[in-house]
N, C-alpha and C. Protein backbone atom coordinates (compact mmCIF):
# COMPACT_ATOMS: atom_id res chain seq x y z
N MET A 1 0.85 -1.16 0.00
CA MET A 1 0.00 0.00 0.00
C MET A 1 0.91 1.24 0.00
N ARG A 2 0.64 2.15 -0.90
CA ARG A 2 1.43 3.38 -0.98
C ARG A 2 0.60 4.56 -0.53
N LEU A 3 1.20 5.38 0.32
CA LEU A 3 0.58 6.62 0.78
C LEU A 3 1.52 7.77 0.45
N GLY A 4 1.47 8.23 -0.79
CA GLY A 4 2.40 9.26 -1.23
C GLY A 4 3.81 8.69 -1.34
N ARG A 5 4.72 9.20 -0.53
CA ARG A 5 6.10 8.71 -0.52
C ARG A 5 6.31 7.56 0.45
N VAL A 6 5.29 7.16 1.15
CA VAL A 6 5.41 6.10 2.17
C VAL A 6 4.79 4.82 1.65
N GLU A 7 5.56 3.73 1.72
CA GLU A 7 5.07 2.41 1.34
C GLU A 7 4.96 1.57 2.60
N VAL A 8 3.79 0.99 2.82
CA VAL A 8 3.54 0.14 3.98
C VAL A 8 3.26 -1.27 3.46
N THR A 9 4.09 -2.23 3.90
CA THR A 9 3.92 -3.60 3.44
C THR A 9 2.92 -4.35 4.31
N GLY A 10 2.43 -5.46 3.80
CA GLY A 10 1.50 -6.29 4.54
C GLY A 10 2.12 -6.86 5.81
N GLY A 11 3.41 -7.19 5.74
CA GLY A 11 4.11 -7.70 6.92
C GLY A 11 4.13 -6.69 8.06
N PHE A 12 4.30 -5.40 7.73
CA PHE A 12 4.28 -4.35 8.74
C PHE A 12 2.91 -4.28 9.40
N VAL A 13 1.87 -4.33 8.60
CA VAL A 13 0.51 -4.25 9.13
C VAL A 13 0.22 -5.46 10.03
N LEU A 14 0.61 -6.65 9.60
CA LEU A 14 0.40 -7.85 10.41
C LEU A 14 1.18 -7.80 11.71
N LEU A 15 2.44 -7.35 11.65
CA LEU A 15 3.24 -7.24 12.87
C LEU A 15 2.64 -6.23 13.83
N TRP A 16 2.20 -5.09 13.30
CA TRP A 16 1.58 -4.06 14.13
C TRP A 16 0.31 -4.61 14.80
N ALA A 17 -0.49 -5.34 14.05
CA ALA A 17 -1.72 -5.92 14.61
C ALA A 17 -1.40 -6.93 15.70
N LEU A 18 -0.38 -7.77 15.48
CA LEU A 18 0.01 -8.75 16.49
C LEU A 18 0.51 -8.07 17.76
N LEU A 19 1.37 -7.08 17.60
CA LEU A 19 1.88 -6.37 18.77
C LEU A 19 0.77 -5.63 19.51
N TYR A 20 -0.15 -5.06 18.77
CA TYR A 20 -1.29 -4.37 19.40
C TYR A 20 -2.14 -5.36 20.20
N TYR A 21 -2.34 -6.55 19.63
CA TYR A 21 -3.13 -7.58 20.30
C TYR A 21 -2.45 -8.06 21.57
N LEU A 22 -1.13 -8.20 21.53
CA LEU A 22 -0.39 -8.74 22.67
C LEU A 22 0.00 -7.69 23.71
N ASP A 23 -0.18 -6.42 23.41
CA ASP A 23 0.24 -5.34 24.32
C ASP A 23 -0.79 -5.14 25.43
N ASP A 24 -0.47 -5.65 26.61
CA ASP A 24 -1.36 -5.48 27.77
C ASP A 24 -1.03 -4.23 28.57
N THR A 25 0.15 -3.68 28.38
CA THR A 25 0.61 -2.57 29.21
C THR A 25 0.40 -1.20 28.57
N GLY A 26 0.08 -1.15 27.30
CA GLY A 26 -0.12 0.13 26.62
C GLY A 26 1.18 0.80 26.20
N VAL A 27 2.25 0.02 26.08
CA VAL A 27 3.55 0.59 25.72
C VAL A 27 3.71 0.76 24.20
N LEU A 28 2.89 0.10 23.41
CA LEU A 28 3.05 0.13 21.96
C LEU A 28 2.95 1.55 21.38
N PRO A 29 2.01 2.39 21.77
CA PRO A 29 1.99 3.75 21.21
C PRO A 29 3.25 4.55 21.55
N TRP A 30 3.79 4.35 22.74
CA TRP A 30 5.02 5.06 23.13
C TRP A 30 6.21 4.54 22.33
N ALA A 31 6.26 3.25 22.09
CA ALA A 31 7.33 2.67 21.29
C ALA A 31 7.23 3.17 19.84
N ALA A 32 6.02 3.26 19.32
CA ALA A 32 5.82 3.75 17.95
C ALA A 32 6.26 5.22 17.85
N LEU A 33 5.95 6.01 18.87
CA LEU A 33 6.38 7.41 18.88
C LEU A 33 7.90 7.51 18.93
N ALA A 34 8.54 6.67 19.75
CA ALA A 34 10.00 6.67 19.82
C ALA A 34 10.61 6.29 18.48
N CYS A 35 10.04 5.29 17.81
CA CYS A 35 10.54 4.89 16.49
C CYS A 35 10.37 6.01 15.47
N ALA A 36 9.22 6.67 15.50
CA ALA A 36 8.98 7.76 14.55
C ALA A 36 9.96 8.91 14.78
N LEU A 37 10.23 9.25 16.04
CA LEU A 37 11.19 10.31 16.34
C LEU A 37 12.60 9.91 15.92
N HIS A 38 12.94 8.65 16.13
CA HIS A 38 14.25 8.14 15.73
C HIS A 38 14.44 8.25 14.22
N GLU A 39 13.46 7.79 13.46
CA GLU A 39 13.54 7.87 12.00
C GLU A 39 13.51 9.31 11.52
N GLY A 40 12.78 10.16 12.23
CA GLY A 40 12.79 11.59 11.91
C GLY A 40 14.18 12.19 12.06
N GLY A 41 14.94 11.72 13.04
CA GLY A 41 16.32 12.17 13.21
C GLY A 41 17.18 11.77 12.03
N HIS A 42 16.98 10.56 11.52
CA HIS A 42 17.70 10.13 10.32
C HIS A 42 17.35 11.03 9.14
N TRP A 43 16.07 11.32 8.99
CA TRP A 43 15.61 12.17 7.89
C TRP A 43 16.23 13.56 7.99
N LEU A 44 16.27 14.12 9.21
CA LEU A 44 16.88 15.44 9.40
C LEU A 44 18.37 15.43 9.07
N ALA A 45 19.07 14.37 9.45
CA ALA A 45 20.49 14.26 9.14
C ALA A 45 20.72 14.17 7.64
N ILE A 46 19.89 13.41 6.96
CA ILE A 46 20.01 13.31 5.49
C ILE A 46 19.79 14.67 4.85
N ARG A 47 18.77 15.37 5.29
CA ARG A 47 18.47 16.70 4.73
C ARG A 47 19.58 17.69 5.05
N ALA A 48 20.15 17.62 6.27
CA ALA A 48 21.21 18.55 6.67
C ALA A 48 22.47 18.36 5.83
N LEU A 49 22.69 17.15 5.36
CA LEU A 49 23.86 16.86 4.54
C LEU A 49 23.59 17.01 3.04
N GLY A 50 22.42 17.54 2.70
CA GLY A 50 22.11 17.84 1.31
C GLY A 50 21.44 16.71 0.55
N GLY A 51 21.04 15.66 1.23
CA GLY A 51 20.39 14.53 0.58
C GLY A 51 18.89 14.73 0.43
N ASP A 52 18.27 13.83 -0.27
CA ASP A 52 16.83 13.87 -0.47
C ASP A 52 16.26 12.47 -0.28
N VAL A 53 15.18 12.39 0.45
CA VAL A 53 14.51 11.10 0.68
C VAL A 53 13.36 11.00 -0.31
N ARG A 54 13.44 10.01 -1.18
CA ARG A 54 12.41 9.84 -2.21
C ARG A 54 11.29 8.93 -1.75
N GLN A 55 11.59 7.98 -0.86
CA GLN A 55 10.57 7.03 -0.42
C GLN A 55 10.93 6.50 0.95
N ILE A 56 9.92 6.21 1.74
CA ILE A 56 10.09 5.55 3.04
C ILE A 56 9.28 4.27 2.98
N SER A 57 9.92 3.15 3.27
CA SER A 57 9.25 1.84 3.27
C SER A 57 9.18 1.33 4.70
N LEU A 58 7.99 0.95 5.12
CA LEU A 58 7.78 0.35 6.43
C LEU A 58 7.51 -1.13 6.23
N THR A 59 8.43 -1.97 6.74
CA THR A 59 8.30 -3.41 6.59
C THR A 59 8.31 -4.05 7.98
N ALA A 60 8.13 -5.35 8.02
CA ALA A 60 8.17 -6.07 9.29
C ALA A 60 9.56 -6.03 9.90
N CYS A 61 10.58 -5.77 9.09
CA CYS A 61 11.97 -5.71 9.57
C CYS A 61 12.38 -4.30 10.00
N GLY A 62 11.58 -3.31 9.69
CA GLY A 62 11.90 -1.94 10.07
C GLY A 62 11.57 -0.95 8.98
N ALA A 63 12.19 0.22 9.08
CA ALA A 63 11.94 1.29 8.11
C ALA A 63 13.18 1.47 7.24
N ALA A 64 12.96 1.83 5.99
CA ALA A 64 14.06 2.08 5.06
C ALA A 64 13.74 3.34 4.28
N MET A 65 14.77 4.18 4.11
CA MET A 65 14.62 5.42 3.35
C MET A 65 15.42 5.33 2.08
């Protein structure tokens, strides 16, 4: 599934659903926020060095720019 420059694979959606189902403590939203901030730091570093991000892929193994 493509959302503009972001590609989300089926494996990512399945993993997210499994983690959401198994999360009894409510830590999943905080972990997702931490991951988003972490990847945002990578994006800022790429932009600061003059690079351009054409696509972001979210897979069961992680994110790739």
